[in-house]
Amino acid sequence: MAEKFRLEGSVALVTGAASGIGAALAVALAGRGCSLVLIDRDAEGLAAIARRTGAAGAATECRVVDLTDAGAIAMLPAAVEDRFGRLDCLVNNAGVALGGRFEETHLDDFEWVLDINLRAVVRMCHAFLPMLKARPQAQIVNISSLFGLIAPPGQAAYCASKFAVRGFTESLRHEYAGTGLGVSVVHPGGVATAIARNARDPRPSAIPEEAETMRLAAEKGRAAFQALLTLPPEAAAEEIVRGIERRAPRIVIGKDARSAALIQRLMPAGYWAAITRLSGGKV
C-alpha cells in the first residue's frame, strides 16, 4: 500500500480556485495545514477565497492568470519558487463547458474548451514537473469529469477534453509509478457549481427561425444539466482531499458518477440507452 500523502506543511497549487470545487478545495486544503497558490481569472473571487484560507492560517498566494495564455503558465513556477521555494501538490481543476450539438459548434469554441480543459492541464504539468520531481513526495491531481467516463449527446467538446485529461493522467501515472510522484485523476459527478449556467452557448444561426430553435434548445439543455448538479462542492472537495491523502489513482465522486461508471463498464456500447432508460428520460 502506498505511503499516505502528508498535506500538513505542504504547498499546494489549485487552478480555478475562485469558485465551485476549486474554492472548496482551497478551503479544505487550508484546513489540512497547506500553504496555497490559488489561480483563477476572477480576481475578486480569488480575494474572497484568500480571506477564508488566510483566516484558517494558510499562507496564500493569489495569481490572476488566463490559462489559455501559455506564456503566463510558463512564468508560474518561478513565482511559486520565489514565494514558497517548492511545490508539493498540483491540482488542475479549472474547467469550462460548451453546450449544443457538434454540428452547431464553431471550431474556435471547440478549441476554447480544449485550451482550458486540456491544454492548460498539460502545460501546468509540464511546467511544474521539475519542482514536483525534486520533492521526496509529491502529487499531481487532474480533475476530469463524469463526462470523462461517459459521453452524453450535446457534450462533444467537453467530453473530448475530459476523456483526454483522463488518458493523459493515466499515462502520466504509469510513467512515474514507483517514484515519489503520485498522479490522480478525479471524476466528479453532479456537483452543484456554476459550470452549466456559465457554459458557452452555440453561436446563433443567421436564419432567425434556426437561431430561436438553437436558443431554446440551449436553455433547455442548460436547465436539465443544472438540475443534475446537486452534490455540495464542499462534500466533493472533502472526497478529493481524502483521495489525495491516500494517493488514490482514481477518485470517482458521487453516487451518480459511480453508478454511471459501473453501467459503462458493463455495457460499453449501450450504456447511454441504459442510463437514459433508468433516469426516466431526464438525461
Protein backbone atom coordinates (compact mmCIF):
# COMPACT_ATOMS: atom_id res chain seq x y z
CA MET A 1 0.00 0.00 0.00
CA ALA A 2 1.32 3.46 -0.95
CA GLU A 3 2.53 5.72 1.83
CA LYS A 4 -0.06 8.29 2.85
CA PHE A 5 0.48 11.75 1.39
CA ARG A 6 1.09 14.29 4.15
CA LEU A 7 -0.73 17.54 3.41
CA GLU A 8 0.18 19.34 6.61
CA GLY A 9 3.10 21.66 5.92
CA SER A 10 2.94 21.10 2.16
CA VAL A 11 2.47 23.67 -0.62
CA ALA A 12 -0.50 23.09 -2.95
CA LEU A 13 -1.50 24.91 -6.13
CA VAL A 14 -5.15 24.92 -7.24
CA THR A 15 -6.42 26.29 -10.56
CA GLY A 16 -9.98 27.52 -10.92
CA ALA A 17 -9.84 28.40 -7.23
CA ALA A 18 -12.25 31.35 -7.20
CA SER A 19 -15.46 29.30 -7.13
CA GLY A 20 -17.03 25.86 -7.12
CA ILE A 21 -14.89 22.80 -6.43
CA GLY A 22 -11.67 24.83 -6.66
CA ALA A 23 -12.75 27.25 -3.93
CA ALA A 24 -13.94 24.41 -1.70
CA LEU A 25 -10.64 22.58 -2.29
CA ALA A 26 -8.67 25.66 -1.28
CA VAL A 27 -10.56 25.92 1.99
CA ALA A 28 -10.27 22.17 2.67
CA LEU A 29 -6.52 22.16 1.97
CA ALA A 30 -6.06 25.18 4.22
CA GLY A 31 -7.80 23.20 6.94
CA ARG A 32 -5.25 20.42 6.45
CA GLY A 33 -2.37 22.80 7.06
CA CYS A 34 -1.33 23.53 3.46
CA SER A 35 0.19 26.72 2.12
CA LEU A 36 -1.61 27.67 -1.07
CA VAL A 37 -1.11 29.09 -4.54
CA LEU A 38 -4.54 29.95 -5.97
CA ILE A 39 -5.03 30.53 -9.71
CA ASP A 40 -8.06 31.98 -11.50
CA ARG A 41 -9.10 34.74 -13.90
CA ASP A 42 -11.55 36.11 -11.31
CA ALA A 43 -9.53 38.47 -9.10
CA GLU A 44 -12.46 39.35 -6.86
CA GLY A 45 -13.38 35.71 -6.31
CA LEU A 46 -9.76 34.81 -5.56
CA ALA A 47 -9.51 37.59 -2.99
CA ALA A 48 -12.64 36.32 -1.23
CA ILE A 49 -11.29 32.77 -1.01
CA ALA A 50 -7.87 34.03 0.10
CA ARG A 51 -9.54 35.79 3.01
CA ARG A 52 -11.07 32.47 4.06
CA THR A 53 -7.86 30.47 3.70
CA GLY A 54 -5.88 33.19 5.45
CA ALA A 55 -8.34 33.13 8.34
CA ALA A 56 -7.64 29.39 8.59
CA GLY A 57 -3.94 30.18 8.99
CA ALA A 58 -2.80 29.25 5.48
CA ALA A 59 -0.14 31.31 3.73
CA THR A 60 -1.85 32.13 0.44
CA GLU A 61 -0.50 33.45 -2.86
CA CYS A 62 -3.11 34.51 -5.44
CA ARG A 63 -2.32 34.77 -9.14
CA VAL A 64 -4.77 36.12 -11.71
CA VAL A 65 -3.98 34.05 -14.79
CA ASP A 66 -5.76 33.29 -18.05
CA LEU A 67 -4.99 29.60 -18.56
CA THR A 68 -5.29 29.94 -22.33
CA ASP A 69 -2.07 32.01 -22.13
CA ALA A 70 0.83 29.56 -22.45
CA GLY A 71 3.35 32.31 -21.63
CA ALA A 72 1.61 33.15 -18.35
CA ILE A 73 1.66 29.47 -17.35
CA ALA A 74 5.37 29.23 -18.15
CA MET A 75 6.07 32.07 -15.68
CA LEU A 76 4.24 30.47 -12.75
CA PRO A 77 6.97 28.08 -11.47
CA ALA A 78 9.37 30.97 -10.88
CA ALA A 79 6.68 32.86 -8.94
CA VAL A 80 5.96 29.81 -6.77
CA GLU A 81 9.68 29.24 -6.24
CA ASP A 82 10.11 32.86 -5.14
CA ARG A 83 7.24 32.70 -2.63
CA PHE A 84 7.48 29.17 -1.21
CA GLY A 85 10.64 27.57 -2.58
CA ARG A 86 8.81 24.39 -3.57
CA LEU A 87 5.55 22.78 -4.72
CA ASP A 88 4.22 19.51 -3.31
CA CYS A 89 0.73 19.19 -4.81
CA LEU A 90 -0.61 20.44 -8.15
CA VAL A 91 -4.41 20.40 -8.59
CA ASN A 92 -5.59 21.16 -12.13
CA ASN A 93 -9.24 21.97 -11.52
CA ALA A 94 -10.17 24.86 -13.85
CA GLY A 95 -12.74 23.95 -16.49
CA VAL A 96 -15.36 25.34 -18.86
CA ALA A 97 -18.31 23.87 -20.75
CA LEU A 98 -19.87 24.35 -24.16
CA GLY A 99 -23.48 23.43 -24.95
CA GLY A 100 -25.01 22.31 -28.21
CA ARG A 101 -24.71 19.58 -30.80
CA PHE A 102 -21.40 19.19 -32.61
CA GLU A 103 -22.85 20.33 -35.97
CA GLU A 104 -23.90 23.61 -34.29
CA THR A 105 -20.45 24.17 -32.76
CA HIS A 106 -17.94 26.65 -34.16
CA LEU A 107 -14.48 25.11 -34.17
CA ASP A 108 -12.93 28.08 -32.38
CA ASP A 109 -15.37 27.49 -29.48
CA PHE A 110 -14.36 23.81 -29.50
CA GLU A 111 -10.71 24.91 -29.35
CA TRP A 112 -11.52 27.26 -26.44
CA VAL A 113 -12.76 24.28 -24.41
CA LEU A 114 -9.67 22.25 -25.29
CA ASP A 115 -7.39 25.17 -24.42
CA ILE A 116 -8.70 25.44 -20.86
CA ASN A 117 -9.77 21.89 -20.04
CA LEU A 118 -6.90 20.01 -21.67
CA ARG A 119 -4.01 22.11 -22.94
CA ALA A 120 -3.78 24.11 -19.70
CA VAL A 121 -3.60 20.84 -17.74
CA VAL A 122 -0.80 19.57 -19.98
CA ARG A 123 1.08 22.87 -19.78
CA MET A 124 0.73 23.13 -15.99
CA CYS A 125 2.01 19.58 -15.51
CA HIS A 126 4.92 20.17 -17.86
CA ALA A 127 5.83 23.48 -16.22
CA PHE A 128 5.79 22.15 -12.66
CA LEU A 129 7.22 18.65 -13.17
CA PRO A 130 10.80 19.68 -12.30
CA MET A 131 9.65 21.19 -8.98
CA LEU A 132 7.42 18.24 -8.15
CA LYS A 133 10.08 15.65 -9.02
CA ALA A 134 12.53 17.44 -6.73
CA ARG A 135 10.34 16.69 -3.72
CA PRO A 136 10.65 13.37 -1.86
CA GLN A 137 6.87 13.08 -2.10
CA ALA A 138 4.56 14.99 -4.47
CA GLN A 139 1.16 14.64 -6.09
CA ILE A 140 -0.48 15.70 -9.34
CA VAL A 141 -4.28 15.79 -9.26
CA ASN A 142 -6.13 16.35 -12.55
CA ILE A 143 -9.88 16.93 -12.44
CA SER A 144 -11.65 15.13 -15.28
CA SER A 145 -15.42 14.57 -15.00
CA LEU A 146 -18.19 12.00 -15.05
CA PHE A 147 -18.14 13.02 -18.72
CA GLY A 148 -14.63 11.64 -18.91
CA LEU A 149 -16.22 8.22 -18.28
CA ILE A 150 -19.45 8.52 -20.28
CA ALA A 151 -20.27 10.69 -23.30
CA PRO A 152 -23.79 12.15 -23.50
CA PRO A 153 -25.08 13.84 -26.65
CA GLY A 154 -24.61 17.59 -26.85
CA GLN A 155 -21.30 17.46 -24.94
CA ALA A 156 -18.81 16.60 -27.68
CA ALA A 157 -16.25 19.32 -26.85
CA TYR A 158 -16.47 18.84 -23.09
CA CYS A 159 -16.22 15.05 -23.37
CA ALA A 160 -13.31 15.29 -25.81
CA SER A 161 -11.42 17.40 -23.29
CA LYS A 162 -12.28 15.35 -20.21
CA PHE A 163 -11.65 11.93 -21.80
CA ALA A 164 -8.29 13.33 -22.92
CA VAL A 165 -7.49 14.52 -19.38
CA ARG A 166 -8.24 11.01 -18.16
CA GLY A 167 -5.96 9.38 -20.73
CA PHE A 168 -3.16 11.90 -20.22
CA THR A 169 -3.31 11.46 -16.44
CA GLU A 170 -3.34 7.67 -16.55
CA SER A 171 -0.34 7.63 -18.89
CA LEU A 172 1.49 10.09 -16.64
CA ARG A 173 0.73 7.91 -13.62
CA HIS A 174 2.24 4.88 -15.33
CA GLU A 175 5.36 6.86 -16.28
CA TYR A 176 6.01 7.80 -12.64
CA ALA A 177 4.95 4.55 -11.00
CA GLY A 178 7.38 3.54 -8.28
CA THR A 179 8.64 7.10 -7.74
CA GLY A 180 7.74 9.71 -5.14
CA LEU A 181 5.44 11.44 -7.63
CA GLY A 182 1.85 10.19 -7.43
CA VAL A 183 -0.76 11.05 -10.05
CA SER A 184 -4.53 11.04 -9.53
CA VAL A 185 -7.47 11.57 -11.89
CA VAL A 186 -10.77 12.79 -10.43
CA HIS A 187 -14.21 12.13 -11.93
CA PRO A 188 -16.83 14.27 -10.16
CA GLY A 189 -20.48 13.61 -10.88
CA GLY A 190 -23.20 16.21 -10.38
CA VAL A 191 -21.52 18.81 -8.18
CA ALA A 192 -23.50 22.00 -7.56
CA THR A 193 -21.26 24.50 -9.34
CA ALA A 194 -21.99 27.22 -11.90
CA ILE A 195 -20.40 25.35 -14.81
CA ALA A 196 -23.75 24.63 -16.51
CA ARG A 197 -25.04 28.19 -16.02
CA ASN A 198 -21.77 29.59 -17.33
CA ALA A 199 -21.50 27.24 -20.31
CA ARG A 200 -20.94 28.96 -23.64
CA ASP A 201 -23.91 28.54 -25.98
CA PRO A 202 -23.68 27.62 -29.67
CA ARG A 203 -23.40 30.71 -31.84
CA PRO A 204 -26.80 31.61 -33.31
CA SER A 205 -27.69 30.82 -36.87
CA ALA A 206 -28.10 33.68 -39.34
CA ILE A 207 -31.58 32.31 -40.07
CA PRO A 208 -33.92 33.75 -37.38
CA GLU A 209 -36.05 30.62 -37.04
CA GLU A 210 -32.98 28.39 -36.61
CA ALA A 211 -31.42 30.86 -34.16
CA GLU A 212 -34.51 30.76 -31.93
CA THR A 213 -34.63 26.97 -32.04
CA MET A 214 -30.97 26.80 -31.04
CA ARG A 215 -31.51 29.32 -28.22
CA LEU A 216 -34.43 27.37 -26.77
CA ALA A 217 -32.55 24.06 -27.05
CA ALA A 218 -29.53 25.57 -25.28
CA GLU A 219 -31.71 26.92 -22.45
CA LYS A 220 -33.45 23.57 -22.04
CA GLY A 221 -30.16 21.67 -22.05
CA ARG A 222 -28.58 24.05 -19.53
CA ALA A 223 -31.59 23.78 -17.19
CA ALA A 224 -31.59 19.97 -17.42
CA PHE A 225 -27.83 19.83 -16.79
CA GLN A 226 -28.05 22.23 -13.84
CA ALA A 227 -30.84 20.15 -12.26
CA LEU A 228 -28.44 17.19 -12.06
CA LEU A 229 -25.84 19.19 -10.12
CA THR A 230 -26.79 18.55 -6.50
CA LEU A 231 -23.69 17.48 -4.53
CA PRO A 232 -22.28 20.39 -2.48
CA PRO A 233 -18.79 21.45 -3.62
CA GLU A 234 -17.58 21.12 -0.02
CA ALA A 235 -18.53 17.43 0.01
CA ALA A 236 -16.77 16.86 -3.31
CA ALA A 237 -13.67 18.69 -2.07
CA GLU A 238 -13.52 16.58 1.07
CA GLU A 239 -13.63 13.39 -1.02
CA ILE A 240 -10.86 14.71 -3.26
CA VAL A 241 -8.68 15.67 -0.30
CA ARG A 242 -9.13 12.25 1.27
CA GLY A 243 -8.21 10.71 -2.09
CA ILE A 244 -5.06 12.84 -2.25
CA GLU A 245 -4.10 11.78 1.27
CA ARG A 246 -4.31 8.10 0.36
CA ARG A 247 -2.74 8.75 -3.06
CA ALA A 248 -5.68 7.17 -4.85
CA PRO A 249 -5.02 6.80 -8.58
CA ARG A 250 -8.70 7.33 -9.45
CA ILE A 251 -11.25 9.29 -7.42
CA VAL A 252 -14.89 8.95 -8.54
CA ILE A 253 -17.19 11.32 -6.68
CA GLY A 254 -20.92 10.92 -6.14
CA LYS A 255 -23.39 8.06 -6.42
CA ASP A 256 -24.37 9.21 -9.92
CA ALA A 257 -20.78 9.00 -11.15
CA ARG A 258 -20.15 5.63 -9.52
CA SER A 259 -23.40 4.19 -10.92
CA ALA A 260 -22.77 5.54 -14.42
CA ALA A 261 -19.18 4.25 -14.37
CA LEU A 262 -20.42 0.78 -13.45
CA ILE A 263 -23.06 0.77 -16.21
CA GLN A 264 -20.44 1.92 -18.73
CA ARG A 265 -18.12 -0.93 -17.77
CA LEU A 266 -20.96 -3.48 -18.03
CA MET A 267 -22.38 -2.08 -21.28
CA PRO A 268 -19.57 -0.25 -23.09
CA ALA A 269 -21.58 0.21 -26.30
CA GLY A 270 -25.11 0.52 -24.92
CA TYR A 271 -24.64 2.39 -21.66
CA TRP A 272 -26.26 5.65 -22.78
CA ALA A 273 -29.54 3.97 -23.69
CA ALA A 274 -29.50 2.18 -20.33
CA ILE A 275 -28.74 5.38 -18.38
CA THR A 276 -31.48 7.25 -20.24
CA ARG A 277 -33.97 4.49 -19.51
CA LEU A 278 -33.03 4.29 -15.82
CA SER A 279 -33.32 8.07 -15.43
CA GLY A 280 -36.82 8.11 -16.90
CA GLY A 281 -35.59 10.19 -19.81
CA LYS A 282 -34.28 13.01 -17.59
CA VAL A 283 -30.78 12.94 -19.12
